[in-house]
Protein backbone atom coordinates (compact mmCIF):
# COMPACT_ATOMS: atom_id res chain seq x y z
CA MET A 1 -56.23 24.38 37.70
CA ARG A 2 -58.87 21.77 37.06
CA VAL A 3 -57.47 18.46 35.85
CA THR A 4 -59.88 16.64 33.61
CA GLN A 5 -60.10 13.01 32.63
CA GLY A 6 -59.07 13.98 29.11
CA MET A 7 -55.92 15.63 30.38
CA LEU A 8 -54.98 12.50 32.34
CA ALA A 9 -55.59 10.30 29.35
CA GLY A 10 -53.59 12.58 27.04
CA ASN A 11 -50.62 12.71 29.39
CA SER A 12 -50.68 8.95 29.82
CA LEU A 13 -50.65 8.40 26.06
CA ARG A 14 -47.84 10.93 25.65
CA HIS A 15 -45.72 9.18 28.27
CA LEU A 16 -46.43 5.81 26.67
CA SER A 17 -45.32 7.20 23.33
CA ASN A 18 -42.05 8.46 24.88
CA ASN A 19 -41.45 5.09 26.46
CA TYR A 20 -41.97 3.33 23.15
CA SER A 21 -39.56 5.79 21.50
CA LYS A 22 -36.87 4.95 24.05
CA MET A 23 -37.53 1.24 23.55
CA ASP A 24 -37.11 1.72 19.80
CA LYS A 25 -33.84 3.61 20.36
CA TYR A 26 -32.34 0.84 22.50
CA MET A 27 -33.52 -1.88 20.12
CA ASP A 28 -31.89 -0.02 17.19
CA GLN A 29 -28.63 0.23 19.14
CA LEU A 30 -28.78 -3.47 19.94
CA ALA A 31 -29.51 -4.41 16.32
CA THR A 32 -26.87 -2.13 14.71
CA ASN A 33 -24.31 -2.09 17.55
CA LYS A 34 -24.07 1.67 16.97
CA LYS A 35 -24.85 4.53 19.32
CA ILE A 36 -26.67 6.48 16.62
CA THR A 37 -28.40 5.62 13.37
CA ARG A 38 -28.83 9.19 12.12
CA PRO A 39 -26.96 12.46 12.79
CA SER A 40 -29.91 13.96 14.64
CA ASP A 41 -29.59 11.28 17.34
CA ASP A 42 -26.35 12.87 18.55
CA PRO A 43 -24.80 15.62 16.38
CA VAL A 44 -21.54 15.61 18.38
CA VAL A 45 -20.98 11.88 17.87
CA ALA A 46 -21.88 12.23 14.18
CA MET A 47 -19.45 15.14 13.68
CA LYS A 48 -16.60 13.37 15.44
CA GLY A 49 -17.39 10.20 13.50
CA MET A 50 -16.93 12.02 10.19
CA PHE A 51 -13.52 13.27 11.31
CA TYR A 52 -12.42 9.87 12.62
CA ARG A 53 -13.60 8.10 9.46
CA THR A 54 -11.66 10.55 7.32
CA ASN A 55 -8.56 9.88 9.40
CA LEU A 56 -9.04 6.11 9.07
CA SER A 57 -9.57 6.40 5.31
CA GLU A 58 -6.30 8.32 4.99
CA VAL A 59 -4.44 5.64 6.94
CA GLU A 60 -5.94 2.90 4.76
CA GLN A 61 -4.84 4.78 1.64
CA TYR A 62 -1.31 5.08 3.04
CA LYS A 63 -1.29 1.32 3.58
CA ARG A 64 -2.20 0.81 -0.08
CA ASN A 65 0.57 3.22 -1.08
CA LEU A 66 3.02 1.34 1.12
CA SER A 67 2.08 -1.90 -0.60
CA GLU A 68 2.83 -0.32 -3.97
CA VAL A 69 6.21 0.99 -2.79
CA TYR A 70 7.08 -2.43 -1.39
CA GLN A 71 6.23 -3.94 -4.77
CA TRP A 72 8.48 -1.49 -6.60
CA MET A 73 11.38 -1.88 -4.19
CA GLU A 74 11.24 -5.65 -4.03
CA ASN A 75 11.10 -5.97 -7.81
CA SER A 76 13.94 -3.48 -8.13
CA GLU A 77 16.00 -5.44 -5.61
CA SER A 78 15.30 -8.67 -7.47
CA GLY A 79 16.36 -7.09 -10.77
CA ILE A 80 19.64 -5.76 -9.35
CA GLU A 81 20.37 -9.13 -7.76
CA HIS A 82 19.83 -10.86 -11.10
CA SER A 83 22.01 -8.29 -12.86
CA THR A 84 24.88 -8.83 -10.44
CA GLN A 85 24.71 -12.56 -11.11
CA VAL A 86 24.85 -11.89 -14.84
CA LEU A 87 27.81 -9.55 -14.35
CA HIS A 88 29.62 -12.21 -12.32
CA ARG A 89 29.13 -14.64 -15.18
CA VAL A 90 30.41 -12.11 -17.71
CA ARG A 91 33.50 -11.58 -15.59
CA GLU A 92 34.13 -15.31 -15.45
CA LEU A 93 33.88 -15.46 -19.25
CA VAL A 94 36.33 -12.56 -19.62
CA VAL A 95 38.82 -14.34 -17.35
CA GLN A 96 38.34 -17.44 -19.45
CA ALA A 97 38.78 -15.47 -22.68
CA GLN A 98 42.09 -14.04 -21.49
CA ASN A 99 43.55 -17.54 -21.47
CA GLY A 100 46.01 -17.62 -24.37
CA THR A 101 45.06 -21.20 -25.27
CA ASN A 102 41.62 -20.22 -26.59
CA SER A 103 40.99 -20.86 -30.27
CA PRO A 104 38.91 -18.46 -32.39
CA GLU A 105 36.03 -20.90 -32.03
CA ASP A 106 36.33 -20.75 -28.24
CA LEU A 107 36.30 -16.95 -28.28
CA ASN A 108 33.28 -16.97 -30.58
CA SER A 109 31.44 -19.28 -28.17
CA ILE A 110 32.20 -16.87 -25.34
CA LYS A 111 30.97 -14.01 -27.49
CA VAL A 112 27.68 -15.82 -28.16
CA GLU A 113 27.09 -16.37 -24.44
CA ILE A 114 27.89 -12.73 -23.62
CA THR A 115 25.39 -11.69 -26.28
CA GLN A 116 22.72 -13.78 -24.55
CA LEU A 117 23.65 -12.32 -21.19
CA LYS A 118 23.43 -8.80 -22.59
CA GLU A 119 19.94 -9.47 -23.93
CA ASP A 120 18.96 -10.97 -20.59
CA LEU A 121 20.07 -7.75 -18.88
CA ALA A 122 17.99 -5.77 -21.35
CA ASN A 123 14.93 -7.85 -20.46
CA VAL A 124 15.54 -7.20 -16.76
CA ALA A 125 15.88 -3.47 -17.43
CA ASN A 126 12.48 -3.57 -19.15
CA THR A 127 10.76 -5.09 -16.12
CA LYS A 128 7.15 -3.96 -15.75
CA VAL A 129 5.11 -3.81 -12.55
CA ALA A 130 1.39 -3.15 -12.87
CA GLY A 131 1.95 -2.05 -16.47
CA ARG A 132 4.75 0.42 -15.66
CA TYR A 133 8.47 0.20 -16.36
CA ILE A 134 10.15 0.43 -12.95
CA TYR A 135 13.64 1.15 -14.34
CA ASN A 136 12.77 4.30 -16.25
CA GLY A 137 12.28 6.99 -13.63
CA ASN A 138 9.10 9.02 -14.16
CA ASP A 139 8.75 7.95 -17.80
CA THR A 140 7.15 4.65 -16.81
CA SER A 141 5.24 4.19 -20.06
CA LYS A 142 8.33 3.64 -22.24
CA PRO A 143 10.90 0.81 -22.12
CA PRO A 144 14.35 2.07 -21.09
CA VAL A 145 16.21 -0.41 -23.31
CA THR A 146 15.57 -1.28 -26.94
CA LEU A 147 17.13 -4.44 -28.34
CA GLY A 148 19.09 -3.93 -31.53
CA ASN A 149 22.59 -3.55 -32.89
CA PRO A 150 23.71 -1.42 -31.20
CA ILE A 151 21.36 -1.73 -28.27
CA GLY A 152 19.37 1.42 -27.48
CA VAL A 153 19.52 2.78 -23.92
CA SER A 154 17.33 5.73 -22.93
CA MET A 155 16.86 5.78 -19.17
CA ASP A 156 15.06 8.50 -17.28
CA THR A 157 16.64 9.13 -13.88
CA GLY A 158 13.74 11.02 -12.29
CA ASP A 159 12.43 10.04 -8.87
CA PHE A 160 9.12 8.17 -8.70
CA THR A 161 7.79 9.21 -5.30
CA VAL A 162 4.77 7.99 -3.36
CA GLU A 163 3.15 9.55 -0.29
CA VAL A 164 3.46 6.91 2.43
CA SER A 165 2.46 9.04 5.42
CA LYS A 166 1.13 12.50 6.14
CA GLY A 167 3.49 14.83 4.26
CA VAL A 168 6.09 12.07 3.70
CA GLN A 169 7.10 11.34 0.11
CA LEU A 170 9.32 8.29 -0.37
CA LYS A 171 11.27 7.42 -3.51
CA ALA A 172 10.06 4.04 -4.76
CA ASN A 173 12.39 3.48 -7.71
CA VAL A 174 16.15 3.22 -8.20
CA ASN A 175 18.49 5.17 -10.43
CA PRO A 176 18.29 2.88 -13.50
CA ILE A 177 21.68 3.88 -14.87
CA ASN A 178 23.45 3.03 -11.61
CA ALA A 179 21.31 -0.10 -11.14
CA PHE A 180 22.71 -1.40 -14.40
CA GLY A 181 26.35 -0.55 -13.86
CA GLY A 182 26.44 3.21 -14.20
CA ILE A 183 28.70 5.05 -16.65
CA VAL A 184 32.34 3.93 -16.70
CA ASP A 185 34.79 5.59 -19.08
CA GLY A 186 31.85 7.18 -20.83
CA LYS A 187 30.15 3.84 -21.45
CA SER A 188 27.10 2.16 -20.01
CA LEU A 189 27.24 -1.52 -19.09
CA PHE A 190 25.45 -2.37 -22.30
CA ALA A 191 28.03 -0.42 -24.33
CA THR A 192 30.85 -2.17 -22.45
CA LEU A 193 29.33 -5.57 -23.29
CA GLU A 194 28.98 -4.62 -26.95
CA SER A 195 32.62 -3.50 -27.00
CA LEU A 196 33.55 -6.83 -25.42
CA GLU A 197 31.58 -8.67 -28.10
CA THR A 198 33.45 -6.78 -30.82
CA ALA A 199 36.82 -7.58 -29.23
CA LEU A 200 35.98 -11.27 -28.94
CA GLY A 201 34.79 -11.33 -32.53
CA SER A 202 38.14 -9.93 -33.64
CA GLY A 203 39.96 -12.68 -31.75
CA SER A 204 41.67 -10.43 -29.18
CA LEU A 205 40.70 -8.55 -26.00
CA GLY A 206 43.23 -5.80 -26.69
CA ASP A 207 44.64 -4.22 -23.56
CA SER A 208 42.48 -6.54 -21.42
CA SER A 209 41.03 -3.66 -19.33
CA TYR A 210 37.58 -5.21 -19.36
CA LEU A 211 37.95 -6.75 -15.93
CA ASP A 212 38.53 -3.32 -14.40
CA LEU A 213 35.56 -1.91 -16.31
CA LEU A 214 33.29 -4.72 -15.14
CA ASP A 215 34.48 -4.29 -11.55
CA GLN A 216 33.58 -0.61 -11.66
CA HIS A 217 30.15 -1.42 -13.10
CA PHE A 218 29.66 -3.93 -10.30
CA SER A 219 30.67 -1.31 -7.72
CA ASN A 220 28.01 1.07 -9.07
CA MET A 221 25.40 -1.67 -8.85
CA SER A 222 26.34 -2.45 -5.26
CA ALA A 223 26.16 1.23 -4.26
CA GLU A 224 22.67 1.58 -5.75
CA ARG A 225 21.58 -1.62 -4.05
CA SER A 226 22.80 -0.30 -0.71
CA ASP A 227 20.81 2.90 -1.20
CA LEU A 228 17.73 0.84 -2.00
CA GLY A 229 18.27 -1.26 1.13
CA ALA A 230 18.45 1.86 3.29
CA ARG A 231 15.17 3.16 1.88
CA HIS A 232 13.59 -0.26 2.35
CA ASN A 233 14.54 -0.18 6.05
CA ARG A 234 12.96 3.26 6.39
CA LEU A 235 9.86 1.94 4.63
CA ASP A 236 9.59 -0.82 7.24
CA LEU A 237 9.63 1.78 10.02
CA ILE A 238 6.98 3.88 8.28
CA SER A 239 4.86 0.77 7.73
CA ASP A 240 5.00 -0.08 11.44
CA ARG A 241 3.94 3.45 12.34
CA VAL A 242 1.06 3.44 9.84
CA ASN A 243 -0.14 0.07 11.18
CA SER A 244 -0.12 1.53 14.69
CA GLN A 245 -2.06 4.57 13.45
CA GLU A 246 -4.65 2.27 11.88
CA ILE A 247 -5.15 0.40 15.16
CA ILE A 248 -5.49 3.65 17.11
CA ALA A 249 -7.85 5.22 14.54
CA THR A 250 -10.04 2.11 14.51
CA ARG A 251 -10.20 2.04 18.32
CA ILE A 252 -11.11 5.73 18.55
CA LEU A 253 -13.81 5.33 15.90
CA SER A 254 -15.19 2.33 17.78
CA ASP A 255 -15.22 4.21 21.08
CA ASN A 256 -17.08 7.07 19.42
CA GLU A 257 -19.71 5.12 17.47
CA ASP A 258 -20.05 1.58 18.79
CA ALA A 259 -22.66 0.94 21.43
CA ASP A 260 -21.84 -0.61 24.80
CA VAL A 261 -23.90 -3.79 24.37
CA GLU A 262 -24.04 -4.62 28.08
CA ARG A 263 -25.26 -1.12 28.91
CA VAL A 264 -27.77 -1.14 26.06
CA ILE A 265 -29.24 -4.47 27.25
CA THR A 266 -29.49 -3.13 30.80
CA ASN A 267 -31.19 0.06 29.60
CA LEU A 268 -33.56 -1.96 27.42
CA LYS A 269 -34.59 -4.19 30.31
CA THR A 270 -35.06 -1.13 32.53
CA GLN A 271 -37.15 0.57 29.86
CA GLU A 272 -39.30 -2.56 29.51
CA SER A 273 -40.04 -2.40 33.24
CA VAL A 274 -40.86 1.30 32.96
CA LEU A 275 -43.15 0.61 30.02
CA ARG A 276 -45.02 -2.11 31.91
CA ALA A 277 -45.45 0.26 34.87
CA SER A 278 -46.71 2.98 32.53
CA LEU A 279 -49.21 0.61 30.94
CA SER A 280 -50.42 -0.50 34.35
CA ALA A 281 -50.81 3.09 35.54
CA SER A 282 -52.55 4.14 32.33
CA ALA A 283 -55.02 1.29 32.69
CA ARG A 284 -56.02 2.69 36.07
CA ILE A 285 -56.19 6.29 34.89
CA ILE A 286 -58.17 5.78 31.69
CA GLN A 287 -61.69 4.95 32.92
CA PRO A 288 -63.84 2.40 31.15
CA THR A 289 -66.25 3.73 28.57
CA LEU A 290 -69.83 2.76 27.82
CA MET A 291 -68.57 0.37 25.12
CA ASP A 292 -66.60 -1.55 27.74
CA PHE A 293 -69.83 -2.18 29.70
CA LEU A 294 -71.61 -3.36 26.52
CA ARG A 295 -69.03 -6.09 25.74
C-alpha cells in the first residue's frame, strides 16, 4: 500500500488530538479530584457511585433520625426527673400535714402549694419538642393535660417509633400515664392530688392513705424511667454502629470516585512528555509548504 504525505499528516494530527484528549482527562481529574466527570468516562464507576451514594444518603438520614430520638428521650427523661422531684415535695407536704399541730391556716397553705405543684406537673406533661407534644403517644398535636377544675387528662399511650437503622424501628416516647404516676386505685396522679387538695381544704386527711398512694405513683414513674434508660442505652449502641457505617460508606465512595492525585500527576507529566515527542515527530513528518518558503 502506498503511503502518501497526506496520510502521514492525517495520522500525526489524529495522534496529536488523542494526546490532547488524554491531557485534558488528567487535568480534569487533577482539578476535580475525581476519576470521572461524566458517566461515559467509566460506566462501572458511575454505576457503583450511584449505589454508594444512595447507601451514604440512607446512613445520613438515620443519623438525623437518631438525633430526633435522642431529643425525645432526653426531654422525656428530664420531664420524669422533674416530676419525681415534684412528687417528693408533695410527699414531704403530706407528712407535714399529718402533724396534728397544724391549724386550718397551715393546712390551707399546704393545699395552695400542692395546687401549684399540680399545675407544674401539668405544664411538664404538656412539654413540646419541635412543635409536638412528647407525652401524648401518637396524638402529638394535642396537649395531654388541660388545666381546669377538675384537671382534664387525656393521654394517648401509642408508641411513637422512628427508623434508626435498616429495618429497625425504635420507640422514642414514654408511656405518658406511667411517666406521670400511672393509675393507682383507679386514679391518676393528677386525680390523687386533687383528692388531696379536697382533703386539706376540709381540714383532715381522712384515713391518711395518701403516702401509700404517692409511693405507688413514684414506683410507676421509676419503672417507666428504667425502661427509658434501657432504650437509651440501646440507642447509644445503634448510634455507634451507624457512625461506623457512615465512615465505611464514605471511604468506599472515596475509593470508587476520588482520583489518586499522585498517580494523576505522574500520568500528566508522562503525557506531557509524550505530547512533546509527538509534536517533534509531527514537525519532521509534515513537510514545509510553499508558504513557508515565502515567509
